[in-house]
């Protein structure tokens, strides 16, 4: 079990001069934080459990070995569906220029994971030229190289379309047909499909499939079996669910959650 420095367990002081502030917290599950923002950019990373990050522009699912980058001063909130080991980094404003200006989900490499945990074991009171400061600089370089992962669900801004999207996310096992969805928004089917695609960047059908997969990630991170998840979300069976999952993420559910050596 990696050692965590007592400093890192304290709530972060965003006014500190420390280049990267590490923060560790274990959450029991079924918890969420209110909407908030801070000047520092944040890499939200977990080692166990699952995390959902919401911004005005979309929802991001963060299982282990993935992380989401949230730029500084962006309103967001976090949801912890199950017991979660939260290990996050707050990056000082002048160190954020090389990162995306919009939130993105990234894959956490084994090297970055070890660098994060190493910083978790050090005092927060360091300067840029100390061993911890040099480690933080290497960590920053590695963060800039992270590949992105397809774990974003962009929500429409139109009130009726967003209401429909919220209902689907709440219960993705029962997805309305295009005709039913269009009628609920008082739109023709053609207009509905055009507007939904324009506001989310993908078709209604693809968006619904993505929403269902996001819920699957949450359930799998909570140690639900593939059979249970496939049944709960209305797939024809475990094989159909595994095939859909692999097409979306490139690996099976078991491979996705397998702990790296």
Protein backbone atom coordinates (compact mmCIF):
# COMPACT_ATOMS: atom_id res chain seq x y z
CA UNK A 1 0.00 0.00 0.00
CA UNK A 2 1.60 3.33 -1.07
CA UNK A 3 2.34 5.72 1.79
CA UNK A 4 0.40 9.00 1.73
CA UNK A 5 1.93 12.02 3.46
CA UNK A 6 -0.30 13.57 6.17
CA UNK A 7 -0.18 16.93 4.31
CA UNK A 8 -1.88 15.34 1.31
CA UNK A 9 -4.90 14.31 3.38
CA UNK A 10 -5.68 17.93 4.28
CA UNK A 11 -8.02 20.06 2.14
CA UNK A 12 -5.92 21.88 -0.48
CA UNK A 13 -4.93 25.53 -0.15
CA UNK A 14 -5.36 26.84 -3.69
CA UNK A 15 -3.49 30.06 -2.82
CA UNK A 16 -0.31 28.10 -2.10
CA UNK A 17 2.76 28.65 -4.32
CA UNK A 18 3.26 24.89 -4.61
CA UNK A 19 3.37 24.03 -8.36
CA UNK A 20 1.26 20.88 -8.04
CA UNK A 21 -0.87 20.19 -4.97
CA UNK A 22 -1.63 16.52 -4.33
CA UNK A 23 -4.81 15.60 -2.48
CA UNK A 24 -6.00 12.13 -1.36
CA UNK A 25 -9.39 11.24 0.03
CA UNK A 26 -11.36 8.00 0.36
CA UNK A 27 -15.11 8.34 -0.13
CA UNK A 28 -17.71 5.86 1.05
CA UNK A 29 -19.85 6.14 -2.08
CA UNK A 30 -23.18 7.71 -3.03
CA UNK A 31 -21.61 11.10 -2.35
CA UNK A 32 -21.32 14.21 -4.48
CA UNK A 33 -19.79 17.66 -4.32
CA UNK A 34 -21.65 20.86 -5.14
CA UNK A 35 -20.84 22.89 -8.23
CA UNK A 36 -17.58 24.78 -7.74
CA UNK A 37 -14.49 26.09 -9.50
CA UNK A 38 -10.91 27.03 -8.67
CA UNK A 39 -8.16 28.91 -10.47
CA UNK A 40 -5.92 25.85 -10.66
CA UNK A 41 -6.40 23.19 -13.31
CA UNK A 42 -7.19 19.76 -11.89
CA UNK A 43 -6.39 16.20 -12.89
CA UNK A 44 -9.09 14.08 -11.23
CA UNK A 45 -7.75 10.55 -10.82
CA UNK A 46 -8.90 7.53 -8.81
CA UNK A 47 -7.18 4.28 -7.91
CA UNK A 48 -10.35 2.40 -6.98
CA UNK A 49 -14.08 2.87 -7.51
CA UNK A 50 -15.64 5.25 -10.01
CA UNK A 51 -16.07 8.97 -10.48
CA UNK A 52 -18.44 11.05 -12.57
CA UNK A 53 -17.46 14.63 -13.39
CA UNK A 54 -20.13 17.00 -14.67
CA UNK A 55 -19.56 20.34 -16.39
CA UNK A 56 -21.99 22.62 -18.20
CA UNK A 57 -20.88 21.03 -21.47
CA UNK A 58 -21.05 17.36 -20.62
CA UNK A 59 -20.55 14.41 -18.32
CA UNK A 60 -17.29 12.48 -17.97
CA UNK A 61 -16.94 8.97 -16.54
CA UNK A 62 -13.68 8.19 -14.77
CA UNK A 63 -12.99 4.56 -13.87
CA UNK A 64 -9.60 3.47 -12.46
CA UNK A 65 -6.62 4.07 -14.76
CA UNK A 66 -8.39 6.96 -16.40
CA UNK A 67 -8.50 10.60 -15.31
CA UNK A 68 -10.25 13.77 -16.38
CA UNK A 69 -8.51 17.09 -16.87
CA UNK A 70 -10.62 20.10 -15.81
CA UNK A 71 -9.15 23.50 -16.76
CA UNK A 72 -8.90 26.21 -14.15
CA UNK A 73 -11.95 28.35 -13.36
CA UNK A 74 -14.36 25.87 -14.94
CA UNK A 75 -17.55 25.10 -13.01
CA UNK A 76 -17.85 21.39 -12.29
CA UNK A 77 -19.10 18.92 -9.75
CA UNK A 78 -18.12 15.36 -8.85
CA UNK A 79 -20.22 12.30 -8.08
CA UNK A 80 -18.93 9.13 -6.40
CA UNK A 81 -21.36 6.24 -7.08
CA UNK A 82 -19.39 3.73 -5.02
CA UNK A 83 -16.47 3.52 -2.59
CA UNK A 84 -13.71 5.50 -4.28
CA UNK A 85 -10.06 6.18 -3.60
CA UNK A 86 -9.68 9.73 -4.91
CA UNK A 87 -6.15 10.89 -5.84
CA UNK A 88 -6.15 14.28 -7.52
CA UNK A 89 -3.68 16.96 -8.56
CA UNK A 90 -4.22 20.72 -8.63
CA UNK A 91 -1.87 22.42 -11.11
CA UNK A 92 -0.83 26.05 -10.59
CA UNK A 93 -2.17 28.44 -13.23
CA UNK A 94 1.21 29.25 -14.82
CA UNK A 95 1.88 25.52 -15.31
CA UNK A 96 -1.37 24.86 -17.22
CA UNK A 97 -0.63 26.47 -20.59
CA UNK A 98 0.28 23.20 -22.31
CA UNK A 99 -3.01 21.49 -21.40
CA UNK A 100 -6.39 21.45 -23.09
CA UNK A 101 -8.67 24.44 -22.61
CA UNK A 102 -11.65 22.09 -22.41
CA UNK A 103 -12.18 19.09 -20.09
CA UNK A 104 -10.99 15.77 -21.50
CA UNK A 105 -10.69 12.19 -20.26
CA UNK A 106 -7.20 10.71 -20.51
CA UNK A 107 -5.64 7.30 -20.02
CA UNK A 108 -3.28 7.11 -17.05
CA UNK A 109 -0.09 5.30 -18.00
CA UNK A 110 1.71 3.10 -15.45
CA UNK A 111 4.52 5.69 -15.26
CA UNK A 112 2.14 8.57 -14.54
CA UNK A 113 0.31 6.48 -11.95
CA UNK A 114 3.61 5.87 -10.11
CA UNK A 115 4.54 9.56 -10.32
CA UNK A 116 1.16 10.57 -8.88
CA UNK A 117 1.55 8.14 -6.00
CA UNK A 118 5.12 9.30 -5.39
CA UNK A 119 3.93 12.91 -5.06
CA UNK A 120 1.17 11.71 -2.71
CA UNK A 121 3.93 10.48 -0.40
CA UNK A 122 5.70 13.87 -0.18
CA UNK A 123 5.02 17.02 1.82
CA UNK A 124 3.13 19.77 0.03
CA UNK A 125 5.64 22.33 1.26
CA UNK A 126 8.24 22.20 -1.51
CA UNK A 127 9.66 24.62 -4.07
CA UNK A 128 10.21 24.07 -7.79
CA UNK A 129 13.91 23.27 -7.39
CA UNK A 130 13.59 20.63 -4.68
CA UNK A 131 13.42 16.87 -5.40
CA UNK A 132 9.62 17.07 -5.10
CA UNK A 133 9.59 20.05 -7.46
CA UNK A 134 11.63 18.17 -10.05
CA UNK A 135 9.27 15.20 -9.69
CA UNK A 136 6.34 17.55 -10.25
CA UNK A 137 7.96 18.83 -13.45
CA UNK A 138 8.40 15.27 -14.77
CA UNK A 139 4.80 14.54 -13.82
CA UNK A 140 3.70 17.62 -15.74
CA UNK A 141 5.58 16.47 -18.84
CA UNK A 142 3.92 13.07 -18.64
CA UNK A 143 0.46 14.60 -18.25
CA UNK A 144 0.97 16.51 -21.50
CA UNK A 145 1.59 13.24 -23.36
CA UNK A 146 -1.50 11.36 -22.18
CA UNK A 147 -3.74 9.82 -24.85
CA UNK A 148 -7.40 10.79 -24.66
CA UNK A 149 -10.16 8.24 -23.99
CA UNK A 150 -13.72 8.30 -25.45
CA UNK A 151 -15.50 8.85 -22.16
CA UNK A 152 -17.30 12.15 -22.70
CA UNK A 153 -21.05 12.55 -23.05
CA UNK A 154 -21.93 16.00 -24.37
CA UNK A 155 -25.37 17.26 -23.36
CA UNK A 156 -27.58 19.40 -25.61
CA UNK A 157 -28.21 22.97 -24.47
CA UNK A 158 -31.82 23.20 -25.65
CA UNK A 159 -34.07 22.84 -22.59
CA UNK A 160 -36.34 20.13 -24.01
CA UNK A 161 -33.49 18.16 -25.56
CA UNK A 162 -31.49 18.36 -22.32
CA UNK A 163 -34.51 17.19 -20.33
CA UNK A 164 -34.76 14.16 -22.60
CA UNK A 165 -31.03 13.50 -22.25
CA UNK A 166 -31.24 13.72 -18.46
CA UNK A 167 -34.06 11.15 -18.41
CA UNK A 168 -32.07 8.77 -20.62
CA UNK A 169 -28.99 9.02 -18.41
CA UNK A 170 -31.17 8.36 -15.37
CA UNK A 171 -32.59 5.19 -16.94
CA UNK A 172 -30.53 4.08 -19.96
CA UNK A 173 -32.10 0.61 -20.01
CA UNK A 174 -35.28 2.08 -21.50
CA UNK A 175 -34.33 4.37 -24.37
CA UNK A 176 -37.16 6.02 -26.34
CA UNK A 177 -37.30 5.45 -30.08
CA UNK A 178 -36.41 8.39 -32.30
CA UNK A 179 -40.10 8.95 -33.04
CA UNK A 180 -41.05 8.93 -29.35
CA UNK A 181 -38.12 11.15 -28.40
CA UNK A 182 -38.98 13.65 -31.12
CA UNK A 183 -42.62 13.76 -30.05
CA UNK A 184 -41.64 14.38 -26.42
CA UNK A 185 -39.71 17.45 -27.59
CA UNK A 186 -42.56 18.65 -29.83
CA UNK A 187 -40.41 18.31 -32.94
CA UNK A 188 -40.64 16.43 -36.20
CA UNK A 189 -38.38 13.40 -36.36
CA UNK A 190 -36.13 15.00 -38.98
CA UNK A 191 -35.80 18.28 -37.05
CA UNK A 192 -35.19 16.41 -33.80
CA UNK A 193 -32.37 14.32 -35.25
CA UNK A 194 -30.77 17.36 -36.88
CA UNK A 195 -30.88 19.48 -33.71
CA UNK A 196 -29.75 16.70 -31.40
CA UNK A 197 -26.75 15.94 -33.62
CA UNK A 198 -25.88 19.64 -33.95
CA UNK A 199 -25.87 20.15 -30.17
CA UNK A 200 -24.07 16.97 -29.12
CA UNK A 201 -21.81 16.27 -32.09
CA UNK A 202 -23.19 12.75 -32.58
CA UNK A 203 -26.47 11.16 -33.63
CA UNK A 204 -29.28 10.45 -31.17
CA UNK A 205 -28.81 6.68 -31.48
CA UNK A 206 -25.06 6.89 -30.91
CA UNK A 207 -25.54 9.24 -27.96
CA UNK A 208 -27.97 6.80 -26.34
CA UNK A 209 -25.55 3.91 -26.85
CA UNK A 210 -22.81 6.01 -25.26
CA UNK A 211 -25.05 6.82 -22.29
CA UNK A 212 -25.75 3.13 -21.79
CA UNK A 213 -22.02 2.31 -21.90
CA UNK A 214 -21.28 5.04 -19.37
CA UNK A 215 -23.72 3.51 -16.94
CA UNK A 216 -22.12 0.13 -17.62
CA UNK A 217 -18.74 1.56 -16.62
CA UNK A 218 -20.18 2.82 -13.35
CA UNK A 219 -21.75 -0.55 -12.56
CA UNK A 220 -18.65 -2.53 -13.49
CA UNK A 221 -16.50 -0.23 -11.35
CA UNK A 222 -18.85 -1.08 -8.48
CA UNK A 223 -17.96 -4.78 -8.96
CA UNK A 224 -21.19 -5.80 -10.70
CA UNK A 225 -20.77 -8.82 -12.97
CA UNK A 226 -20.89 -8.60 -16.76
CA UNK A 227 -24.02 -10.77 -16.73
CA UNK A 228 -25.73 -8.52 -14.20
CA UNK A 229 -24.80 -5.34 -16.09
CA UNK A 230 -25.95 -6.69 -19.45
CA UNK A 231 -29.29 -7.70 -17.94
CA UNK A 232 -29.80 -4.43 -16.02
CA UNK A 233 -29.12 -2.29 -19.10
CA UNK A 234 -31.29 -4.28 -21.48
CA UNK A 235 -28.66 -5.92 -23.69
CA UNK A 236 -29.67 -9.17 -25.39
CA UNK A 237 -27.14 -11.04 -23.28
CA UNK A 238 -23.56 -10.90 -21.93
CA UNK A 239 -22.05 -11.68 -25.35
CA UNK A 240 -23.89 -8.79 -26.99
CA UNK A 241 -22.81 -6.45 -24.19
CA UNK A 242 -19.16 -7.55 -24.40
CA UNK A 243 -19.16 -7.09 -28.18
CA UNK A 244 -20.63 -3.58 -27.88
CA UNK A 245 -18.18 -2.66 -25.11
CA UNK A 246 -15.18 -3.90 -27.11
CA UNK A 247 -16.28 -2.02 -30.21
CA UNK A 248 -16.46 1.21 -28.20
CA UNK A 249 -13.34 0.87 -26.04
CA UNK A 250 -11.15 -1.56 -27.96
CA UNK A 251 -11.02 -4.13 -25.14
CA UNK A 252 -13.43 -6.37 -23.23
CA UNK A 253 -14.81 -5.24 -19.83
CA UNK A 254 -12.42 -7.63 -18.09
CA UNK A 255 -9.41 -6.23 -19.91
CA UNK A 256 -10.55 -2.64 -19.32
CA UNK A 257 -10.64 -3.04 -15.55
CA UNK A 258 -7.71 -5.42 -15.23
CA UNK A 259 -5.16 -3.96 -12.90
CA UNK A 260 -1.86 -3.15 -14.63
CA UNK A 261 1.26 -4.83 -13.35
